[in-house]
């Protein structure tokens, strides 16, 4: 079993009000070092078998036809095996920060 990660982001020229709202809130909360935020979506697609060229082509078609709106969004694919590790074992939260006190039971996909 393999996993294909599909990251969908607004195209750079598309206005991102949600990203701007997060940026504004970040500053109000004291995170002054944050200079830009863009909102996006992440899809973790599990497939039977290896993530070979044929499988990646099928996932790319899925992303183009269903997961992303090609008028305003772009997407990228990358693969990962499913090792069964967990965020808590890595000491990282859902967004990858290094907070040692974070306890998360969401499966980690490397």
N, C-alpha and C. Protein backbone atom coordinates (compact mmCIF):
# COMPACT_ATOMS: atom_id res chain seq x y z
N UNK A 1 0.85 -1.17 0.00
CA UNK A 1 0.00 0.00 0.00
C UNK A 1 0.89 1.23 0.00
N UNK A 2 0.49 2.23 -0.78
CA UNK A 2 1.23 3.49 -0.86
C UNK A 2 0.26 4.64 -0.64
N UNK A 3 0.84 5.78 -0.43
CA UNK A 3 0.04 6.98 -0.26
C UNK A 3 0.56 8.06 -1.20
N UNK A 4 -0.36 8.76 -1.79
CA UNK A 4 -0.01 9.90 -2.64
C UNK A 4 -0.62 11.14 -2.00
N UNK A 5 0.22 12.12 -1.76
CA UNK A 5 -0.23 13.37 -1.17
C UNK A 5 -0.49 14.36 -2.30
N UNK A 6 -1.67 14.94 -2.30
CA UNK A 6 -2.02 15.96 -3.28
C UNK A 6 -2.19 17.28 -2.52
N UNK A 7 -1.30 18.23 -2.78
CA UNK A 7 -1.39 19.56 -2.17
C UNK A 7 -2.00 20.50 -3.20
N UNK A 8 -3.09 21.17 -2.81
CA UNK A 8 -3.79 22.09 -3.69
C UNK A 8 -3.68 23.49 -3.10
N UNK A 9 -3.21 24.42 -3.90
CA UNK A 9 -3.04 25.81 -3.46
C UNK A 9 -3.68 26.74 -4.49
N UNK A 10 -4.13 27.89 -4.00
CA UNK A 10 -4.59 28.92 -4.93
C UNK A 10 -3.41 29.37 -5.77
N UNK A 11 -3.65 29.69 -7.02
CA UNK A 11 -2.59 30.24 -7.86
C UNK A 11 -2.10 31.54 -7.24
N UNK A 12 -0.83 31.87 -7.42
CA UNK A 12 -0.28 33.07 -6.79
C UNK A 12 -1.03 34.36 -7.12
N UNK A 13 -1.60 34.44 -8.30
CA UNK A 13 -2.29 35.66 -8.69
C UNK A 13 -3.72 35.76 -8.15
N UNK A 14 -4.19 34.71 -7.49
CA UNK A 14 -5.55 34.69 -6.95
C UNK A 14 -5.55 35.24 -5.53
N UNK A 15 -6.45 36.19 -5.27
CA UNK A 15 -6.60 36.79 -3.95
C UNK A 15 -6.98 35.70 -2.93
N UNK A 16 -6.37 35.74 -1.75
CA UNK A 16 -6.59 34.72 -0.72
C UNK A 16 -7.07 35.37 0.58
N UNK A 17 -8.38 35.65 0.70
CA UNK A 17 -8.88 36.31 1.91
C UNK A 17 -8.70 35.47 3.18
N UNK A 18 -8.78 34.15 3.07
CA UNK A 18 -8.60 33.31 4.26
C UNK A 18 -7.16 33.40 4.74
N UNK A 19 -6.21 33.38 3.83
CA UNK A 19 -4.81 33.54 4.19
C UNK A 19 -4.56 34.88 4.85
N UNK A 20 -5.19 35.93 4.31
CA UNK A 20 -5.03 37.27 4.90
C UNK A 20 -5.63 37.33 6.31
N UNK A 21 -6.76 36.65 6.52
CA UNK A 21 -7.38 36.63 7.84
C UNK A 21 -6.47 35.92 8.85
N UNK A 22 -5.85 34.82 8.43
CA UNK A 22 -4.94 34.10 9.32
C UNK A 22 -3.71 34.96 9.62
N UNK A 23 -3.19 35.65 8.62
CA UNK A 23 -2.06 36.54 8.83
C UNK A 23 -2.39 37.63 9.84
N UNK A 24 -3.55 38.23 9.68
CA UNK A 24 -3.98 39.29 10.60
C UNK A 24 -4.12 38.75 12.02
N UNK A 25 -4.75 37.59 12.17
CA UNK A 25 -4.92 36.99 13.50
C UNK A 25 -3.57 36.60 14.10
N UNK A 26 -2.64 36.13 13.26
CA UNK A 26 -1.31 35.77 13.75
C UNK A 26 -0.63 36.96 14.40
N UNK A 27 -0.72 38.09 13.74
CA UNK A 27 -0.11 39.31 14.29
C UNK A 27 -0.77 39.73 15.58
N UNK A 28 -2.11 39.65 15.64
CA UNK A 28 -2.82 40.01 16.87
C UNK A 28 -2.43 39.09 18.02
N UNK A 29 -2.11 37.85 17.72
CA UNK A 29 -1.74 36.88 18.75
C UNK A 29 -0.25 36.94 19.11
N UNK A 30 0.48 37.86 18.51
CA UNK A 30 1.87 38.04 18.87
C UNK A 30 2.88 37.32 18.00
N UNK A 31 2.43 36.77 16.90
CA UNK A 31 3.34 36.09 15.97
C UNK A 31 3.76 37.08 14.88
N UNK A 32 4.52 38.09 15.27
CA UNK A 32 4.90 39.16 14.36
C UNK A 32 5.84 38.73 13.26
N UNK A 33 6.49 37.60 13.41
CA UNK A 33 7.42 37.13 12.40
C UNK A 33 6.74 36.53 11.18
N UNK A 34 5.44 36.29 11.27
CA UNK A 34 4.70 35.73 10.14
C UNK A 34 4.47 36.86 9.14
N UNK A 35 4.95 36.67 7.92
CA UNK A 35 4.84 37.74 6.92
C UNK A 35 3.86 37.43 5.79
N UNK A 36 3.51 36.15 5.61
CA UNK A 36 2.59 35.80 4.53
C UNK A 36 1.95 34.46 4.84
N UNK A 37 0.68 34.33 4.53
CA UNK A 37 -0.03 33.06 4.70
C UNK A 37 -0.87 32.83 3.45
N UNK A 38 -0.78 31.63 2.90
CA UNK A 38 -1.64 31.21 1.80
C UNK A 38 -2.37 29.95 2.25
N UNK A 39 -3.66 29.92 2.06
CA UNK A 39 -4.49 28.80 2.47
C UNK A 39 -4.52 27.77 1.35
N UNK A 40 -4.54 26.50 1.72
CA UNK A 40 -4.60 25.44 0.73
C UNK A 40 -5.31 24.21 1.28
N UNK A 41 -5.27 23.13 0.50
CA UNK A 41 -5.88 21.86 0.89
C UNK A 41 -4.86 20.76 0.69
N UNK A 42 -4.95 19.73 1.51
CA UNK A 42 -4.08 18.56 1.38
C UNK A 42 -4.97 17.32 1.37
N UNK A 43 -4.74 16.47 0.38
CA UNK A 43 -5.46 15.21 0.27
C UNK A 43 -4.45 14.07 0.39
N UNK A 44 -4.74 13.09 1.23
CA UNK A 44 -3.90 11.90 1.38
C UNK A 44 -4.67 10.74 0.75
N UNK A 45 -4.21 10.30 -0.40
CA UNK A 45 -4.91 9.27 -1.17
C UNK A 45 -4.14 7.97 -1.04
N UNK A 46 -4.75 6.98 -0.41
CA UNK A 46 -4.12 5.67 -0.28
C UNK A 46 -4.49 4.81 -1.48
N UNK A 47 -3.51 4.11 -2.00
CA UNK A 47 -3.73 3.24 -3.16
C UNK A 47 -3.18 1.85 -2.88
N UNK A 48 -3.77 0.85 -3.52
CA UNK A 48 -3.24 -0.51 -3.45
C UNK A 48 -2.02 -0.58 -4.35
N UNK A 49 -0.98 -1.21 -3.88
CA UNK A 49 0.21 -1.39 -4.70
C UNK A 49 1.12 -0.18 -4.66
N UNK A 50 2.14 -0.22 -5.50
CA UNK A 50 3.13 0.85 -5.49
C UNK A 50 2.62 2.11 -6.20
N UNK A 51 3.22 3.22 -5.85
CA UNK A 51 2.89 4.49 -6.49
C UNK A 51 3.77 4.64 -7.73
N UNK A 52 3.48 3.80 -8.73
CA UNK A 52 4.27 3.82 -9.96
C UNK A 52 3.72 4.87 -10.93
N UNK A 53 4.29 4.91 -12.11
CA UNK A 53 3.92 5.92 -13.10
C UNK A 53 2.44 5.87 -13.45
N UNK A 54 1.90 4.67 -13.59
CA UNK A 54 0.49 4.51 -13.94
C UNK A 54 -0.41 5.03 -12.82
N UNK A 55 -0.08 4.66 -11.59
CA UNK A 55 -0.88 5.10 -10.45
C UNK A 55 -0.81 6.62 -10.29
N UNK A 56 0.38 7.18 -10.45
CA UNK A 56 0.53 8.63 -10.32
C UNK A 56 -0.23 9.37 -11.41
N UNK A 57 -0.26 8.81 -12.61
CA UNK A 57 -1.02 9.43 -13.70
C UNK A 57 -2.51 9.44 -13.36
N UNK A 58 -3.00 8.35 -12.76
CA UNK A 58 -4.41 8.28 -12.38
C UNK A 58 -4.72 9.30 -11.28
N UNK A 59 -3.84 9.42 -10.29
CA UNK A 59 -4.05 10.39 -9.21
C UNK A 59 -3.97 11.82 -9.75
N UNK A 60 -3.08 12.05 -10.70
CA UNK A 60 -2.99 13.38 -11.32
C UNK A 60 -4.30 13.72 -12.03
N UNK A 61 -4.88 12.76 -12.72
CA UNK A 61 -6.16 12.98 -13.38
C UNK A 61 -7.26 13.25 -12.36
N UNK A 62 -7.26 12.49 -11.26
CA UNK A 62 -8.21 12.71 -10.18
C UNK A 62 -8.09 14.13 -9.63
N UNK A 63 -6.86 14.56 -9.41
CA UNK A 63 -6.63 15.91 -8.89
C UNK A 63 -7.13 16.96 -9.87
N UNK A 64 -6.84 16.77 -11.14
CA UNK A 64 -7.23 17.74 -12.16
C UNK A 64 -8.75 17.82 -12.32
N UNK A 65 -9.43 16.66 -12.23
CA UNK A 65 -10.87 16.62 -12.47
C UNK A 65 -11.72 16.84 -11.23
N UNK A 66 -11.21 16.52 -10.04
CA UNK A 66 -12.06 16.55 -8.85
C UNK A 66 -11.48 17.37 -7.69
N UNK A 67 -10.21 17.22 -7.41
CA UNK A 67 -9.65 17.80 -6.19
C UNK A 67 -9.29 19.28 -6.32
N UNK A 68 -8.94 19.72 -7.51
CA UNK A 68 -8.53 21.11 -7.71
C UNK A 68 -9.38 21.76 -8.79
N UNK A 69 -9.58 23.05 -8.63
CA UNK A 69 -10.25 23.85 -9.65
C UNK A 69 -9.15 24.48 -10.50
N UNK A 70 -8.92 24.00 -11.71
CA UNK A 70 -7.78 24.46 -12.50
C UNK A 70 -7.83 25.93 -12.89
N UNK A 71 -8.97 26.57 -12.74
CA UNK A 71 -9.07 27.99 -13.06
C UNK A 71 -8.36 28.83 -12.00
N UNK A 72 -8.50 28.44 -10.73
CA UNK A 72 -7.93 29.26 -9.65
C UNK A 72 -6.91 28.53 -8.79
N UNK A 73 -6.76 27.21 -8.98
CA UNK A 73 -5.86 26.44 -8.12
C UNK A 73 -4.83 25.67 -8.95
N UNK A 74 -3.71 25.36 -8.29
CA UNK A 74 -2.71 24.47 -8.85
C UNK A 74 -2.45 23.37 -7.83
N UNK A 75 -1.90 22.25 -8.28
CA UNK A 75 -1.68 21.15 -7.35
C UNK A 75 -0.32 20.53 -7.60
N UNK A 76 0.15 19.83 -6.58
CA UNK A 76 1.37 19.05 -6.71
C UNK A 76 1.15 17.70 -6.05
N UNK A 77 1.89 16.71 -6.51
CA UNK A 77 1.81 15.35 -5.97
C UNK A 77 3.14 14.96 -5.38
N UNK A 78 3.11 14.20 -4.31
CA UNK A 78 4.31 13.50 -3.86
C UNK A 78 3.88 12.22 -3.17
N UNK A 79 4.77 11.27 -3.15
CA UNK A 79 4.43 9.95 -2.63
C UNK A 79 5.06 9.72 -1.27
N UNK A 80 4.48 8.78 -0.55
CA UNK A 80 5.00 8.39 0.75
C UNK A 80 4.54 6.98 1.05
N UNK A 81 5.43 6.18 1.61
CA UNK A 81 5.02 4.87 2.10
C UNK A 81 4.29 5.08 3.42
N UNK A 82 3.56 4.10 3.86
CA UNK A 82 2.79 4.22 5.10
C UNK A 82 3.50 3.44 6.20
N UNK A 83 4.40 4.08 6.94
CA UNK A 83 5.18 3.37 7.93
C UNK A 83 4.47 3.12 9.24
N UNK A 84 3.32 3.75 9.47
CA UNK A 84 2.59 3.54 10.71
C UNK A 84 3.12 4.36 11.87
N UNK A 85 4.03 5.30 11.63
CA UNK A 85 4.50 6.17 12.71
C UNK A 85 3.40 7.15 13.07
N UNK A 86 3.54 7.77 14.23
CA UNK A 86 2.54 8.70 14.69
C UNK A 86 3.19 10.02 15.02
N UNK A 87 2.38 11.11 14.96
CA UNK A 87 2.90 12.43 15.27
C UNK A 87 3.54 12.47 16.65
N UNK A 88 2.89 11.85 17.63
CA UNK A 88 3.39 11.91 19.00
C UNK A 88 4.80 11.31 19.10
N UNK A 89 5.07 10.28 18.33
CA UNK A 89 6.40 9.68 18.34
C UNK A 89 7.44 10.63 17.78
N UNK A 90 7.02 11.46 16.84
CA UNK A 90 7.94 12.39 16.22
C UNK A 90 8.04 13.70 16.99
N UNK A 91 7.11 13.94 17.92
CA UNK A 91 7.10 15.18 18.67
C UNK A 91 6.72 16.36 17.81
N UNK A 92 5.89 16.12 16.80
CA UNK A 92 5.49 17.19 15.90
C UNK A 92 3.98 17.24 15.80
N UNK A 93 3.47 18.43 15.68
CA UNK A 93 2.02 18.55 15.54
C UNK A 93 1.61 18.37 14.09
N UNK A 94 0.35 18.53 13.84
CA UNK A 94 -0.24 18.33 12.53
C UNK A 94 0.42 19.18 11.44
N UNK A 95 0.89 20.37 11.79
CA UNK A 95 1.50 21.24 10.78
C UNK A 95 3.02 21.16 10.80
N UNK A 96 3.58 20.26 11.59
CA UNK A 96 5.02 20.03 11.54
C UNK A 96 5.85 20.86 12.49
N UNK A 97 5.21 21.60 13.40
CA UNK A 97 6.02 22.38 14.33
C UNK A 97 6.66 21.45 15.37
N UNK A 98 7.57 21.93 16.15
CA UNK A 98 8.35 21.09 17.05
C UNK A 98 7.94 21.28 18.50
N UNK A 99 6.67 21.44 18.76
CA UNK A 99 6.22 21.61 20.15
C UNK A 99 6.32 20.29 20.89
N UNK A 100 7.14 20.26 21.91
CA UNK A 100 7.37 19.01 22.65
C UNK A 100 6.14 18.59 23.44
N UNK A 101 5.25 19.53 23.78
CA UNK A 101 4.10 19.20 24.60
C UNK A 101 2.89 18.75 23.77
N UNK A 102 3.02 18.70 22.45
CA UNK A 102 1.91 18.32 21.58
C UNK A 102 1.68 16.82 21.66
N UNK A 103 0.44 16.44 21.86
CA UNK A 103 0.08 15.03 21.88
C UNK A 103 -1.00 14.82 20.83
N UNK A 104 -0.67 14.07 19.82
CA UNK A 104 -1.57 13.90 18.69
C UNK A 104 -1.61 12.43 18.31
N UNK A 105 -2.79 11.90 18.08
CA UNK A 105 -2.94 10.51 17.69
C UNK A 105 -3.22 10.32 16.21
N UNK A 106 -3.04 11.37 15.43
CA UNK A 106 -3.28 11.28 14.00
C UNK A 106 -2.11 10.54 13.35
N UNK A 107 -2.38 9.54 12.51
CA UNK A 107 -1.27 8.82 11.87
C UNK A 107 -0.40 9.75 11.05
N UNK A 108 0.90 9.54 11.14
CA UNK A 108 1.88 10.32 10.41
C UNK A 108 2.20 9.62 9.12
N UNK A 109 2.21 10.36 8.03
CA UNK A 109 2.65 9.83 6.75
C UNK A 109 3.95 10.52 6.40
N UNK A 110 5.03 9.76 6.35
CA UNK A 110 6.35 10.34 6.11
C UNK A 110 6.51 10.76 4.68
